[in-house]
C-alpha atoms as a PDB file:
ATOM      1  CA  MET A   1    -103.870  27.317  20.170  1.00  0.00           C
ATOM      2  CA  ALA A   2    -101.255  28.255  22.777  1.00  0.00           C
ATOM      3  CA  ASP A   3     -97.739  29.603  22.535  1.00  0.00           C
ATOM      4  CA  ARG A   4     -95.440  26.706  21.692  1.00  0.00           C
ATOM      5  CA  PHE A   5     -92.631  28.023  23.880  1.00  0.00           C
ATOM      6  CA  PRO A   6     -93.671  28.369  27.512  1.00  0.00           C
ATOM      7  CA  ILE A   7     -92.129  31.127  29.595  1.00  0.00           C
ATOM      8  CA  ILE A   8     -88.889  29.972  31.218  1.00  0.00           C
ATOM      9  CA  PRO A   9     -89.010  30.967  34.904  1.00  0.00           C
ATOM     10  CA  ASP A  10     -86.101  33.117  36.090  1.00  0.00           C
ATOM     11  CA  ASP A  11     -84.792  30.385  38.366  1.00  0.00           C
ATOM     12  CA  GLN A  12     -84.642  27.919  35.446  1.00  0.00           C
ATOM     13  CA  GLN A  13     -82.812  30.169  32.984  1.00  0.00           C
ATOM     14  CA  THR A  14     -79.218  29.469  32.036  1.00  0.00           C
ATOM     15  CA  PRO A  15     -76.645  32.224  32.569  1.00  0.00           C
ATOM     16  CA  GLU A  16     -76.744  32.890  28.805  1.00  0.00           C
ATOM     17  CA  GLN A  17     -80.535  33.238  28.873  1.00  0.00           C
ATOM     18  CA  LYS A  18     -80.324  35.595  31.854  1.00  0.00           C
ATOM     19  CA  ALA A  19     -77.755  37.711  29.985  1.00  0.00           C
ATOM     20  CA  MET A  20     -80.068  37.888  26.969  1.00  0.00           C
ATOM     21  CA  VAL A  21     -83.012  38.931  29.150  1.00  0.00           C
ATOM     22  CA  GLN A  22     -80.850  41.573  30.825  1.00  0.00           C
ATOM     23  CA  ALA A  23     -79.707  42.945  27.458  1.00  0.00           C
ATOM     24  CA  ILE A  24     -83.290  43.224  26.215  1.00  0.00           C
ATOM     25  CA  THR A  25     -84.886  44.638  29.356  1.00  0.00           C
ATOM     26  CA  SER A  26     -82.139  47.208  29.948  1.00  0.00           C
ATOM     27  CA  GLY A  27     -82.372  48.554  26.377  1.00  0.00           C
ATOM     28  CA  PRO A  28     -84.911  50.718  24.564  1.00  0.00           C
ATOM     29  CA  ARG A  29     -87.530  47.926  24.440  1.00  0.00           C
ATOM     30  CA  GLY A  30     -88.007  48.089  28.208  1.00  0.00           C
ATOM     31  CA  ALA A  31     -89.335  45.368  30.467  1.00  0.00           C
ATOM     32  CA  GLY A  32     -90.524  41.946  29.445  1.00  0.00           C
ATOM     33  CA  LEU A  33     -89.861  39.459  26.688  1.00  0.00           C
ATOM     34  CA  ARG A  34     -92.630  40.354  24.289  1.00  0.00           C
ATOM     35  CA  GLY A  35     -92.961  39.105  20.758  1.00  0.00           C
ATOM     36  CA  PRO A  36     -90.282  36.695  19.543  1.00  0.00           C
ATOM     37  CA  PHE A  37     -87.859  36.978  22.443  1.00  0.00           C
ATOM     38  CA  ASN A  38     -89.290  34.292  24.689  1.00  0.00           C
ATOM     39  CA  ALA A  39     -88.929  31.787  21.836  1.00  0.00           C
ATOM     40  CA  LEU A  40     -85.468  33.088  20.949  1.00  0.00           C
ATOM     41  CA  MET A  41     -84.300  32.351  24.500  1.00  0.00           C
ATOM     42  CA  ARG A  42     -84.011  28.725  23.371  1.00  0.00           C
ATOM     43  CA  SER A  43     -80.867  29.838  21.521  1.00  0.00           C
ATOM     44  CA  PRO A  44     -79.669  32.775  23.625  1.00  0.00           C
ATOM     45  CA  ASP A  45     -76.569  33.543  21.563  1.00  0.00           C
ATOM     46  CA  VAL A  46     -78.712  33.853  18.428  1.00  0.00           C
ATOM     47  CA  GLY A  47     -81.419  35.685  20.378  1.00  0.00           C
ATOM     48  CA  ASN A  48     -78.960  38.231  21.700  1.00  0.00           C
ATOM     49  CA  ARG A  49     -77.474  38.848  18.252  1.00  0.00           C
ATOM     50  CA  VAL A  50     -80.952  39.140  16.741  1.00  0.00           C
ATOM     51  CA  GLN A  51     -82.108  41.613  19.378  1.00  0.00           C
ATOM     52  CA  HIS A  52     -79.055  43.817  18.744  1.00  0.00           C
ATOM     53  CA  VAL A  53     -79.848  44.002  15.030  1.00  0.00           C
ATOM     54  CA  GLY A  54     -83.481  44.703  15.864  1.00  0.00           C
ATOM     55  CA  GLY A  55     -82.483  47.459  18.249  1.00  0.00           C
ATOM     56  CA  TYR A  56     -80.642  49.245  15.462  1.00  0.00           C
ATOM     57  CA  VAL A  57     -83.326  48.651  12.844  1.00  0.00           C
ATOM     58  CA  ARG A  58     -86.143  49.843  15.063  1.00  0.00           C
ATOM     59  CA  PHE A  59     -84.525  52.669  17.009  1.00  0.00           C
ATOM     60  CA  SER A  60     -81.610  53.984  14.938  1.00  0.00           C
ATOM     61  CA  SER A  61     -82.421  53.540  11.243  1.00  0.00           C
ATOM     62  CA  CYS A  62     -81.610  56.604   9.169  1.00  0.00           C
ATOM     63  CA  ILE A  63     -85.060  56.521   7.532  1.00  0.00           C
ATOM     64  CA  GLY A  64     -86.773  57.281  10.856  1.00  0.00           C
ATOM     65  CA  PRO A  65     -89.462  55.546  12.885  1.00  0.00           C
ATOM     66  CA  LYS A  66     -92.518  56.293  10.721  1.00  0.00           C
ATOM     67  CA  LEU A  67     -91.005  54.870   7.550  1.00  0.00           C
ATOM     68  CA  THR A  68     -89.382  51.972   9.386  1.00  0.00           C
ATOM     69  CA  GLU A  69     -92.768  51.078  10.888  1.00  0.00           C
ATOM     70  CA  LEU A  70     -94.323  51.250   7.419  1.00  0.00           C
ATOM     71  CA  GLY A  71     -91.846  48.610   6.239  1.00  0.00           C
ATOM     72  CA  ILE A  72     -92.356  46.527   9.387  1.00  0.00           C
ATOM     73  CA  CYS A  73     -96.125  46.511   8.921  1.00  0.00           C
ATOM     74  CA  MET A  74     -95.734  45.495   5.286  1.00  0.00           C
ATOM     75  CA  VAL A  75     -93.565  42.533   6.326  1.00  0.00           C
ATOM     76  CA  GLY A  76     -95.939  41.533   9.116  1.00  0.00           C
ATOM     77  CA  ARG A  77     -98.815  41.586   6.643  1.00  0.00           C
ATOM     78  CA  LYS A  78     -96.849  39.667   4.012  1.00  0.00           C
ATOM     79  CA  TRP A  79     -96.156  36.893   6.542  1.00  0.00           C
ATOM     80  CA  ASN A  80     -99.657  37.143   8.069  1.00  0.00           C
ATOM     81  CA  ALA A  81     -97.835  37.511  11.387  1.00  0.00           C
ATOM     82  CA  GLN A  82    -100.734  38.342  13.671  1.00  0.00           C
ATOM     83  CA  TYR A  83     -98.727  39.459  16.688  1.00  0.00           C
ATOM     84  CA  GLU A  84     -96.289  41.445  14.544  1.00  0.00           C
ATOM     85  CA  TRP A  85     -99.156  43.307  12.895  1.00  0.00           C
ATOM     86  CA  TYR A  86    -100.914  43.926  16.204  1.00  0.00           C
ATOM     87  CA  ALA A  87     -97.789  45.306  17.919  1.00  0.00           C
ATOM     88  CA  HIS A  88     -96.415  47.375  15.072  1.00  0.00           C
ATOM     89  CA  ARG A  89     -99.650  48.827  13.778  1.00  0.00           C
ATOM     90  CA  ALA A  90     -99.955  50.692  17.067  1.00  0.00           C
ATOM     91  CA  LEU A  91     -96.296  51.764  16.878  1.00  0.00           C
ATOM     92  CA  ALA A  92     -96.771  52.900  13.260  1.00  0.00           C
ATOM     93  CA  GLU A  93     -99.739  55.067  14.200  1.00  0.00           C
ATOM     94  CA  LYS A  94     -97.807  56.483  17.160  1.00  0.00           C
ATOM     95  CA  ALA A  95     -94.928  57.311  14.772  1.00  0.00           C
ATOM     96  CA  GLY A  96     -97.328  59.276  12.551  1.00  0.00           C
ATOM     97  CA  LEU A  97     -98.459  56.816   9.881  1.00  0.00           C
ATOM     98  CA  ALA A  98    -102.092  57.428   8.914  1.00  0.00           C
ATOM     99  CA  PRO A  99    -104.547  54.701   9.956  1.00  0.00           C
ATOM    100  CA  ALA A 100    -105.982  54.675   6.405  1.00  0.00           C
ATOM    101  CA  ILE A 101    -102.583  53.616   5.045  1.00  0.00           C
ATOM    102  CA  LEU A 102    -102.431  50.767   7.534  1.00  0.00           C
ATOM    103  CA  ASP A 103    -106.026  49.764   6.799  1.00  0.00           C
ATOM    104  CA  ALA A 104    -105.178  49.470   3.100  1.00  0.00           C
ATOM    105  CA  ILE A 105    -102.110  47.330   3.834  1.00  0.00           C
ATOM    106  CA  ALA A 106    -104.192  45.112   6.123  1.00  0.00           C
ATOM    107  CA  GLU A 107    -106.707  44.623   3.303  1.00  0.00           C
ATOM    108  CA  GLY A 108    -104.025  43.958   0.680  1.00  0.00           C
ATOM    109  CA  ARG A 109    -104.694  47.207  -1.194  1.00  0.00           C
ATOM    110  CA  GLN A 110    -102.254  49.893  -2.279  1.00  0.00           C
ATOM    111  CA  PRO A 111    -102.735  52.826   0.064  1.00  0.00           C
ATOM    112  CA  THR A 112    -103.780  56.223  -1.224  1.00  0.00           C
ATOM    113  CA  GLY A 113    -102.841  59.536   0.312  1.00  0.00           C
ATOM    114  CA  MET A 114     -99.236  58.655   1.114  1.00  0.00           C
ATOM    115  CA  ASP A 115     -96.664  61.435   1.154  1.00  0.00           C
ATOM    116  CA  ALA A 116     -93.617  61.256  -1.136  1.00  0.00           C
ATOM    117  CA  ASP A 117     -91.357  59.496   1.390  1.00  0.00           C
ATOM    118  CA  GLU A 118     -94.050  56.961   2.331  1.00  0.00           C
ATOM    119  CA  THR A 119     -94.612  56.242  -1.358  1.00  0.00           C
ATOM    120  CA  ILE A 120     -90.902  55.622  -1.960  1.00  0.00           C
ATOM    121  CA  VAL A 121     -90.615  53.242   1.002  1.00  0.00           C
ATOM    122  CA  TYR A 122     -93.894  51.510   0.161  1.00  0.00           C
ATOM    123  CA  ASN A 123     -92.959  50.951  -3.500  1.00  0.00           C
ATOM    124  CA  PHE A 124     -89.453  49.693  -2.686  1.00  0.00           C
ATOM    125  CA  SER A 125     -90.733  47.371   0.059  1.00  0.00           C
ATOM    126  CA  LYS A 126     -93.671  46.098  -1.969  1.00  0.00           C
ATOM    127  CA  GLU A 127     -91.506  45.220  -4.949  1.00  0.00           C
ATOM    128  CA  LEU A 128     -88.878  43.492  -2.810  1.00  0.00           C
ATOM    129  CA  LEU A 129     -91.441  41.554  -0.755  1.00  0.00           C
ATOM    130  CA  ASP A 130     -93.510  40.548  -3.794  1.00  0.00           C
ATOM    131  CA  THR A 131     -90.772  39.760  -6.331  1.00  0.00           C
ATOM    132  CA  THR A 132     -87.576  39.281  -4.260  1.00  0.00           C
ATOM    133  CA  GLN A 133     -85.958  41.956  -6.456  1.00  0.00           C
ATOM    134  CA  VAL A 134     -86.016  45.751  -6.796  1.00  0.00           C
ATOM    135  CA  GLY A 135     -85.918  47.370 -10.215  1.00  0.00           C
ATOM    136  CA  ASP A 136     -83.977  50.481 -11.086  1.00  0.00           C
ATOM    137  CA  ALA A 137     -86.907  52.881 -10.666  1.00  0.00           C
ATOM    138  CA  ASN A 138     -87.655  51.956  -7.045  1.00  0.00           C
ATOM    139  CA  TYR A 139     -83.975  51.479  -6.174  1.00  0.00           C
ATOM    140  CA  ASN A 140     -83.024  54.884  -7.557  1.00  0.00           C
ATOM    141  CA  ALA A 141     -85.953  56.608  -5.864  1.00  0.00           C
ATOM    142  CA  MET A 142     -84.934  55.115  -2.508  1.00  0.00           C
ATOM    143  CA  LYS A 143     -81.220  55.825  -3.006  1.00  0.00           C
ATOM    144  CA  ASN A 144     -81.784  59.383  -4.246  1.00  0.00           C
ATOM    145  CA  ARG A 145     -83.986  60.236  -1.262  1.00  0.00           C
ATOM    146  CA  PHE A 146     -82.299  58.327   1.581  1.00  0.00           C
ATOM    147  CA  GLY A 147     -78.826  57.480   0.278  1.00  0.00           C
ATOM    148  CA  GLU A 148     -77.182  54.085   0.208  1.00  0.00           C
ATOM    149  CA  GLN A 149     -77.462  53.814   3.990  1.00  0.00           C
ATOM    150  CA  GLY A 150     -81.216  54.295   3.716  1.00  0.00           C
ATOM    151  CA  VAL A 151     -81.427  51.514   1.125  1.00  0.00           C
ATOM    152  CA  ILE A 152     -79.504  49.150   3.395  1.00  0.00           C
ATOM    153  CA  ASP A 153     -81.373  50.208   6.549  1.00  0.00           C
ATOM    154  CA  LEU A 154     -84.721  49.478   4.872  1.00  0.00           C
ATOM    155  CA  ILE A 155     -83.546  46.140   3.459  1.00  0.00           C
ATOM    156  CA  CYS A 156     -82.306  45.155   6.923  1.00  0.00           C
ATOM    157  CA  ALA A 157     -85.601  46.189   8.527  1.00  0.00           C
ATOM    158  CA  LEU A 158     -87.551  44.088   6.046  1.00  0.00           C
ATOM    159  CA  GLY A 159     -85.234  41.118   6.528  1.00  0.00           C
ATOM    160  CA  TYR A 160     -85.118  41.396  10.308  1.00  0.00           C
ATOM    161  CA  TYR A 161     -88.885  41.580  10.609  1.00  0.00           C
ATOM    162  CA  GLY A 162     -89.230  38.676   8.169  1.00  0.00           C
ATOM    163  CA  LEU A 163     -87.193  36.645  10.663  1.00  0.00           C
ATOM    164  CA  VAL A 164     -89.275  37.963  13.563  1.00  0.00           C
ATOM    165  CA  SER A 165     -92.498  37.123  11.711  1.00  0.00           C
ATOM    166  CA  MET A 166     -91.313  33.564  11.118  1.00  0.00           C
ATOM    167  CA  VAL A 167     -90.417  33.122  14.798  1.00  0.00           C
ATOM    168  CA  LEU A 168     -93.780  34.526  15.886  1.00  0.00           C
ATOM    169  CA  ASN A 169     -95.708  32.317  13.465  1.00  0.00           C
ATOM    170  CA  VAL A 170     -93.860  29.130  14.402  1.00  0.00           C
ATOM    171  CA  ALA A 171     -94.047  29.962  18.107  1.00  0.00           C
ATOM    172  CA  GLN A 172     -97.772  30.708  17.689  1.00  0.00           C
ATOM    173  CA  VAL A 173     -97.496  33.824  19.844  1.00  0.00           C
ATOM    174  CA  GLN A 174    -101.043  34.730  20.767  1.00  0.00           C
ATOM    175  CA  LEU A 175    -102.817  38.031  20.415  1.00  0.00           C
ATOM    176  CA  PRO A 176    -104.110  39.655  23.582  1.00  0.00           C
ATOM    177  CA  PRO A 177    -107.726  38.815  24.419  1.00  0.00           C
ATOM    178  CA  GLY A 178    -110.230  40.815  22.394  1.00  0.00           C
ATOM    179  CA  VAL A 179    -107.848  41.686  19.546  1.00  0.00           C
ATOM    180  CA  THR A 180    -109.285  40.840  16.130  1.00  0.00           C
ATOM    181  CA  PRO A 181    -106.796  38.927  13.966  1.00  0.00           C
ATOM    182  CA  LEU A 182    -105.984  39.879  10.398  1.00  0.00           C
ATOM    183  CA  LYS A 183    -108.066  38.202   7.741  1.00  0.00           C
ATOM    184  CA  PRO A 184    -106.072  35.998   5.357  1.00  0.00           C
ATOM    185  CA  LEU A 185    -105.394  37.627   1.991  1.00  0.00           C
END
């Protein structure tokens, strides 16, 4: 299986595609069109808008990088998005999330040993991803700890990475050689 969207050489990109590439590579993501962005170049206006939302969600969310990465990994696992899981598991560990928590998520188990903030984000995310709703207990826990902005920032992270996971899955973005894929749940 190969990526469904081949790389568009620089000399074949439209001005809109070049602008999207410039916006991505000059921002906090750095060089290259990793993950969903090569596929999103097929609709550069959408791709540019998507990458701006992602930039906020990933780098500026009021809940911080560790908890944002926890939510991202939960979405990647929910969608069985191999590349998403591969990329963000490493970022989650770098942000301070314990490997045992990520192992449990990968295996479809509830993690043990989470701190209070991790538990709040996990419970809120799990309920929303599993039921499409959030009851009062998990909503109030999230709101009381992180405020209304934290609730919205987490919802947007989950939604954004749901979109990213869909793009990655449809595009069939491949894992690097030697990386073991997630097992289906």
